[in-house]
N, C-alpha and C. Protein backbone atom coordinates (compact mmCIF):
# COMPACT_ATOMS: atom_id res chain seq x y z
N MET A 1 -1.61 -3.40 -40.30
CA MET A 1 -0.83 -3.84 -39.16
C MET A 1 -0.78 -5.36 -39.11
N VAL A 2 0.16 -5.82 -38.37
CA VAL A 2 0.38 -7.26 -38.22
C VAL A 2 -0.70 -7.80 -37.30
N GLN A 3 -1.22 -8.98 -37.51
CA GLN A 3 -2.31 -9.59 -36.73
C GLN A 3 -1.96 -9.65 -35.26
N ASP A 4 -0.68 -9.89 -34.90
CA ASP A 4 -0.28 -10.05 -33.50
C ASP A 4 -0.48 -8.75 -32.72
N GLU A 5 -0.55 -7.64 -33.34
CA GLU A 5 -0.71 -6.37 -32.63
C GLU A 5 -2.17 -6.04 -32.23
N TRP A 6 -3.06 -6.77 -32.80
CA TRP A 6 -4.49 -6.55 -32.47
C TRP A 6 -4.89 -7.53 -31.41
N GLY A 7 -5.85 -7.12 -30.64
CA GLY A 7 -6.37 -7.93 -29.57
C GLY A 7 -7.10 -7.03 -28.56
N ARG A 8 -7.47 -7.67 -27.50
CA ARG A 8 -8.16 -6.90 -26.52
C ARG A 8 -7.33 -5.81 -25.83
N TYR A 9 -6.16 -6.13 -25.56
CA TYR A 9 -5.20 -5.22 -24.93
C TYR A 9 -4.06 -4.95 -25.84
N PRO A 10 -3.54 -3.75 -25.88
CA PRO A 10 -2.36 -3.52 -26.78
C PRO A 10 -1.17 -4.21 -26.20
N LYS A 11 -0.36 -4.68 -27.07
CA LYS A 11 0.83 -5.48 -26.67
C LYS A 11 1.99 -4.52 -26.57
N GLY A 12 2.70 -4.52 -25.45
CA GLY A 12 3.88 -3.66 -25.29
C GLY A 12 5.09 -4.34 -25.92
N LYS A 13 6.07 -3.56 -26.16
CA LYS A 13 7.29 -4.05 -26.72
C LYS A 13 8.13 -4.64 -25.61
N LYS A 14 8.69 -5.78 -25.76
CA LYS A 14 9.54 -6.35 -24.76
C LYS A 14 10.85 -5.73 -24.79
N ARG A 15 11.42 -5.47 -23.59
CA ARG A 15 12.72 -4.87 -23.51
C ARG A 15 13.77 -6.01 -23.62
N SER A 16 14.71 -5.73 -24.47
CA SER A 16 15.81 -6.75 -24.55
C SER A 16 16.83 -6.41 -23.59
N SER A 17 17.27 -7.40 -22.86
CA SER A 17 18.27 -7.18 -21.80
C SER A 17 19.39 -8.10 -21.99
N THR A 18 20.64 -7.65 -21.78
CA THR A 18 21.78 -8.55 -21.93
C THR A 18 22.18 -9.07 -20.54
N LYS A 19 21.51 -8.59 -19.50
CA LYS A 19 21.86 -8.96 -18.09
C LYS A 19 21.19 -10.31 -17.83
N SER A 20 21.89 -11.06 -16.99
CA SER A 20 21.31 -12.34 -16.57
C SER A 20 20.43 -12.07 -15.38
N VAL A 21 19.63 -13.06 -15.02
CA VAL A 21 18.72 -12.90 -13.87
C VAL A 21 19.49 -12.66 -12.59
N ASP A 22 20.60 -13.35 -12.46
CA ASP A 22 21.48 -13.16 -11.22
C ASP A 22 22.02 -11.77 -11.16
N GLU A 23 22.41 -11.19 -12.30
CA GLU A 23 22.89 -9.82 -12.34
C GLU A 23 21.85 -8.82 -11.93
N VAL A 24 20.65 -9.01 -12.45
CA VAL A 24 19.56 -8.11 -12.12
C VAL A 24 19.22 -8.22 -10.60
N ILE A 25 19.17 -9.37 -10.06
CA ILE A 25 18.85 -9.55 -8.62
C ILE A 25 19.95 -8.88 -7.76
N LYS A 26 21.20 -9.09 -8.18
CA LYS A 26 22.32 -8.51 -7.41
C LYS A 26 22.21 -6.94 -7.50
N GLU A 27 21.86 -6.44 -8.63
CA GLU A 27 21.70 -5.00 -8.81
C GLU A 27 20.58 -4.47 -7.90
N LEU A 28 19.44 -5.14 -7.89
CA LEU A 28 18.35 -4.70 -7.10
C LEU A 28 18.64 -4.73 -5.59
N LYS A 29 19.38 -5.76 -5.20
CA LYS A 29 19.72 -5.87 -3.74
C LYS A 29 20.74 -4.76 -3.34
N SER A 30 21.57 -4.35 -4.30
CA SER A 30 22.61 -3.36 -3.95
C SER A 30 22.12 -1.93 -3.96
N THR A 31 20.99 -1.65 -4.60
CA THR A 31 20.53 -0.28 -4.66
C THR A 31 20.03 0.17 -3.28
N ASN A 32 20.17 1.48 -3.11
CA ASN A 32 19.80 2.05 -1.81
C ASN A 32 18.32 2.38 -1.80
N ALA A 33 17.48 1.43 -1.98
CA ALA A 33 16.01 1.64 -1.98
C ALA A 33 15.58 1.86 -0.51
N PRO A 34 14.47 2.56 -0.33
CA PRO A 34 14.03 2.80 1.03
C PRO A 34 13.80 1.49 1.76
N ARG A 35 14.19 1.48 3.00
CA ARG A 35 14.06 0.26 3.80
C ARG A 35 12.59 -0.07 4.01
N MET A 36 12.32 -1.35 3.82
CA MET A 36 10.93 -1.82 3.94
C MET A 36 10.65 -2.48 5.29
N ASP A 37 11.52 -2.27 6.23
CA ASP A 37 11.28 -2.85 7.56
C ASP A 37 10.50 -1.91 8.49
N TYR A 38 9.71 -1.04 7.86
CA TYR A 38 8.98 -0.04 8.66
C TYR A 38 7.96 -0.66 9.59
N ARG A 39 7.42 -1.82 9.28
CA ARG A 39 6.51 -2.45 10.11
C ARG A 39 7.10 -2.81 11.48
N GLU A 40 8.33 -3.40 11.43
CA GLU A 40 9.00 -3.71 12.67
C GLU A 40 9.34 -2.49 13.46
N ARG A 41 9.77 -1.46 12.76
CA ARG A 41 10.08 -0.21 13.49
C ARG A 41 8.88 0.42 14.09
N SER A 42 7.73 0.37 13.36
CA SER A 42 6.49 0.94 13.88
C SER A 42 5.98 0.18 15.10
N LEU A 43 6.11 -1.18 15.07
CA LEU A 43 5.73 -1.94 16.23
C LEU A 43 6.58 -1.63 17.46
N LYS A 44 7.87 -1.39 17.26
CA LYS A 44 8.71 -1.01 18.38
C LYS A 44 8.40 0.32 18.92
N ILE A 45 8.07 1.29 18.01
CA ILE A 45 7.81 2.69 18.45
C ILE A 45 6.42 2.81 19.05
N HIS A 46 5.35 2.25 18.39
CA HIS A 46 3.97 2.49 18.84
C HIS A 46 3.43 1.32 19.69
N GLY A 47 4.12 0.19 19.68
CA GLY A 47 3.66 -0.90 20.52
C GLY A 47 2.65 -1.80 19.78
N PHE A 48 2.24 -2.85 20.45
CA PHE A 48 1.35 -3.86 19.88
C PHE A 48 -0.10 -3.55 20.24
N ILE A 49 -0.55 -2.33 19.84
CA ILE A 49 -1.90 -1.92 20.09
C ILE A 49 -2.51 -1.10 18.93
N CYS A 50 -3.77 -1.34 18.62
CA CYS A 50 -4.41 -0.67 17.52
C CYS A 50 -4.74 0.74 17.97
N ALA A 51 -4.28 1.75 17.14
CA ALA A 51 -4.45 3.14 17.47
C ALA A 51 -5.91 3.58 17.34
N LYS A 52 -6.81 2.80 16.73
CA LYS A 52 -8.15 3.22 16.54
C LYS A 52 -9.07 2.55 17.59
N CYS A 53 -9.06 1.23 17.70
CA CYS A 53 -10.00 0.60 18.59
C CYS A 53 -9.34 0.27 19.97
N GLY A 54 -8.05 0.35 20.05
CA GLY A 54 -7.36 0.11 21.34
C GLY A 54 -7.11 -1.39 21.63
N ARG A 55 -7.41 -2.26 20.70
CA ARG A 55 -7.15 -3.68 20.98
C ARG A 55 -5.68 -3.95 21.14
N GLU A 56 -5.34 -4.75 22.14
CA GLU A 56 -3.93 -5.09 22.35
C GLU A 56 -3.60 -6.41 21.71
N PHE A 57 -2.39 -6.51 21.19
CA PHE A 57 -1.97 -7.77 20.52
C PHE A 57 -0.76 -8.29 21.21
N SER A 58 -0.58 -9.66 21.07
CA SER A 58 0.61 -10.29 21.54
C SER A 58 1.45 -10.65 20.36
N SER A 59 2.56 -11.28 20.61
CA SER A 59 3.43 -11.69 19.43
C SER A 59 2.77 -12.82 18.66
N LYS A 60 1.83 -13.60 19.31
CA LYS A 60 1.16 -14.66 18.60
C LYS A 60 0.16 -14.17 17.57
N ASP A 61 -0.50 -13.04 17.82
CA ASP A 61 -1.51 -12.47 16.92
C ASP A 61 -1.08 -11.16 16.29
N ALA A 62 0.21 -10.89 16.31
CA ALA A 62 0.68 -9.58 15.79
C ALA A 62 0.51 -9.51 14.31
N HIS A 63 0.29 -10.63 13.65
CA HIS A 63 0.07 -10.60 12.17
C HIS A 63 -1.24 -9.89 11.86
N LEU A 64 -2.12 -9.69 12.82
CA LEU A 64 -3.39 -8.96 12.64
C LEU A 64 -3.23 -7.46 12.77
N LEU A 65 -2.05 -7.03 13.13
CA LEU A 65 -1.69 -5.64 13.33
C LEU A 65 -0.93 -5.09 12.09
N THR A 66 -1.46 -4.05 11.42
CA THR A 66 -0.87 -3.52 10.27
C THR A 66 -0.40 -2.06 10.47
N VAL A 67 0.40 -1.57 9.56
CA VAL A 67 0.86 -0.21 9.65
C VAL A 67 0.11 0.64 8.62
N HIS A 68 -0.55 1.70 9.08
CA HIS A 68 -1.29 2.62 8.19
C HIS A 68 -0.43 3.91 8.03
N HIS A 69 -0.22 4.31 6.78
CA HIS A 69 0.49 5.54 6.52
C HIS A 69 -0.55 6.67 6.58
N LYS A 70 -0.35 7.58 7.48
CA LYS A 70 -1.31 8.65 7.69
C LYS A 70 -1.52 9.52 6.48
N ASP A 71 -0.41 9.77 5.71
CA ASP A 71 -0.57 10.66 4.55
C ASP A 71 -0.87 9.83 3.26
N GLY A 72 -0.98 8.51 3.39
CA GLY A 72 -1.32 7.69 2.24
C GLY A 72 -0.13 7.32 1.35
N ASN A 73 1.07 7.83 1.67
CA ASN A 73 2.23 7.55 0.85
C ASN A 73 3.09 6.49 1.50
N HIS A 74 3.07 5.31 0.96
CA HIS A 74 3.78 4.13 1.59
C HIS A 74 5.32 4.29 1.43
N LEU A 75 5.77 5.26 0.70
CA LEU A 75 7.22 5.52 0.63
C LEU A 75 7.69 6.51 1.65
N ASN A 76 6.72 7.21 2.32
CA ASN A 76 7.11 8.19 3.34
C ASN A 76 7.25 7.47 4.67
N ASN A 77 8.47 7.06 4.97
CA ASN A 77 8.71 6.29 6.19
C ASN A 77 9.77 7.02 7.06
N PRO A 78 9.41 8.08 7.75
CA PRO A 78 10.38 8.76 8.58
C PRO A 78 10.87 7.91 9.69
N PRO A 79 12.12 8.04 10.12
CA PRO A 79 12.66 7.23 11.15
C PRO A 79 11.93 7.36 12.53
N ASP A 80 11.29 8.50 12.76
CA ASP A 80 10.58 8.66 14.01
C ASP A 80 9.23 8.16 14.02
N GLY A 81 8.70 7.62 12.87
CA GLY A 81 7.40 6.93 12.81
C GLY A 81 6.26 7.93 12.82
N SER A 82 6.48 9.18 12.54
CA SER A 82 5.40 10.15 12.62
C SER A 82 4.34 9.97 11.52
N ASN A 83 4.62 9.25 10.49
CA ASN A 83 3.62 9.03 9.42
C ASN A 83 2.88 7.72 9.58
N TRP A 84 3.12 7.00 10.61
CA TRP A 84 2.56 5.66 10.86
C TRP A 84 1.61 5.66 12.01
N GLU A 85 0.68 4.70 11.93
CA GLU A 85 -0.13 4.33 13.09
C GLU A 85 -0.45 2.83 12.91
N ASN A 86 -0.37 2.10 14.01
CA ASN A 86 -0.64 0.66 13.95
C ASN A 86 -2.12 0.52 14.05
N LEU A 87 -2.69 -0.23 13.08
CA LEU A 87 -4.16 -0.45 13.09
C LEU A 87 -4.37 -1.99 12.89
N CYS A 88 -5.34 -2.53 13.55
CA CYS A 88 -5.69 -3.89 13.33
C CYS A 88 -6.24 -3.99 11.97
N VAL A 89 -6.31 -5.19 11.38
CA VAL A 89 -6.75 -5.36 9.99
C VAL A 89 -8.16 -4.83 9.79
N TYR A 90 -8.98 -4.96 10.79
CA TYR A 90 -10.37 -4.48 10.70
C TYR A 90 -10.47 -2.96 10.60
N CYS A 91 -9.74 -2.35 11.49
CA CYS A 91 -9.73 -0.87 11.51
C CYS A 91 -9.03 -0.33 10.30
N HIS A 92 -7.99 -1.02 9.81
CA HIS A 92 -7.28 -0.51 8.65
C HIS A 92 -8.21 -0.66 7.42
N ASP A 93 -8.98 -1.68 7.31
CA ASP A 93 -9.89 -1.85 6.26
C ASP A 93 -11.01 -0.78 6.33
N ASP A 94 -11.44 -0.48 7.52
CA ASP A 94 -12.48 0.57 7.74
C ASP A 94 -11.93 1.90 7.36
N GLU A 95 -10.71 2.18 7.70
CA GLU A 95 -10.09 3.52 7.44
C GLU A 95 -10.05 3.72 5.92
N HIS A 96 -9.61 2.73 5.12
CA HIS A 96 -9.56 2.88 3.69
C HIS A 96 -10.99 2.89 3.04
N SER A 97 -11.90 2.14 3.62
CA SER A 97 -13.24 2.18 3.13
C SER A 97 -13.88 3.56 3.32
N ARG A 98 -13.67 4.18 4.41
CA ARG A 98 -14.21 5.50 4.71
C ARG A 98 -13.63 6.51 3.69
N GLU A 99 -12.34 6.39 3.40
CA GLU A 99 -11.71 7.29 2.46
C GLU A 99 -12.30 7.19 1.12
N LEU A 100 -12.51 5.97 0.65
CA LEU A 100 -13.18 5.74 -0.66
C LEU A 100 -14.61 6.23 -0.67
N LEU A 101 -15.34 5.97 0.38
CA LEU A 101 -16.70 6.38 0.45
C LEU A 101 -16.80 7.98 0.44
N GLY A 102 -15.91 8.58 1.19
CA GLY A 102 -15.83 10.02 1.24
C GLY A 102 -15.61 10.62 -0.13
N LYS A 103 -14.64 10.03 -0.84
CA LYS A 103 -14.34 10.58 -2.19
C LYS A 103 -15.53 10.36 -3.11
N TYR A 104 -16.25 9.22 -3.00
CA TYR A 104 -17.40 8.92 -3.80
C TYR A 104 -18.52 9.95 -3.57
N LEU A 105 -18.71 10.21 -2.27
CA LEU A 105 -19.86 11.07 -1.91
C LEU A 105 -19.60 12.58 -2.22
N THR A 106 -18.34 12.94 -2.38
CA THR A 106 -18.03 14.36 -2.63
C THR A 106 -17.75 14.68 -4.11
N GLU A 107 -17.87 13.60 -4.97
CA GLU A 107 -17.65 13.85 -6.41
C GLU A 107 -18.76 14.74 -6.95
N ASP A 108 -18.35 15.75 -7.77
CA ASP A 108 -19.32 16.64 -8.36
C ASP A 108 -19.36 16.52 -9.88
N ASP A 109 -18.85 15.42 -10.43
CA ASP A 109 -18.78 15.26 -11.91
C ASP A 109 -19.93 14.50 -12.46
N GLY A 110 -21.11 14.95 -12.11
CA GLY A 110 -22.30 14.34 -12.76
C GLY A 110 -23.08 13.44 -11.84
N GLU A 111 -23.94 12.70 -12.46
CA GLU A 111 -24.86 11.82 -11.65
C GLU A 111 -24.14 10.55 -11.19
N LYS A 112 -24.40 10.27 -10.00
CA LYS A 112 -23.82 9.01 -9.42
C LYS A 112 -24.67 7.85 -9.80
N PRO A 113 -24.03 6.66 -9.94
CA PRO A 113 -24.86 5.47 -10.20
C PRO A 113 -25.92 5.24 -9.19
N GLY A 114 -27.15 4.98 -9.65
CA GLY A 114 -28.25 4.66 -8.71
C GLY A 114 -28.94 5.88 -8.16
N SER A 115 -28.45 7.07 -8.48
CA SER A 115 -29.14 8.28 -7.97
C SER A 115 -30.26 8.68 -8.90
N ARG A 116 -31.27 9.30 -8.31
CA ARG A 116 -32.38 9.77 -9.14
C ARG A 116 -32.50 11.25 -9.05
N ARG A 117 -32.94 11.87 -10.13
CA ARG A 117 -33.13 13.29 -10.11
C ARG A 117 -34.58 13.65 -10.15
């Protein structure tokens, strides 16, 4: 093999494209990708309040309010907001930490790190 192919990580083949950067950007903007303005829609539907701790937010500190997807799929954005709940950054972090901890504690594939038998 050629020396360039060896290394810590395998090198992928670069795709050759005849499109210019402007053409690619124009194409990406014109595609009918799912709308990513779900945060604004969720704030309008559910209000400026954390669904978990009940903390109320104003427009000045709304950046601390995030949208949590209940089913974990960030592409599932129904227009009625049924898959969303507004959580403050602290509760959102807690929600995902609990999910990870739950998965860790319910694994049955052998010994967990730090456990003794």
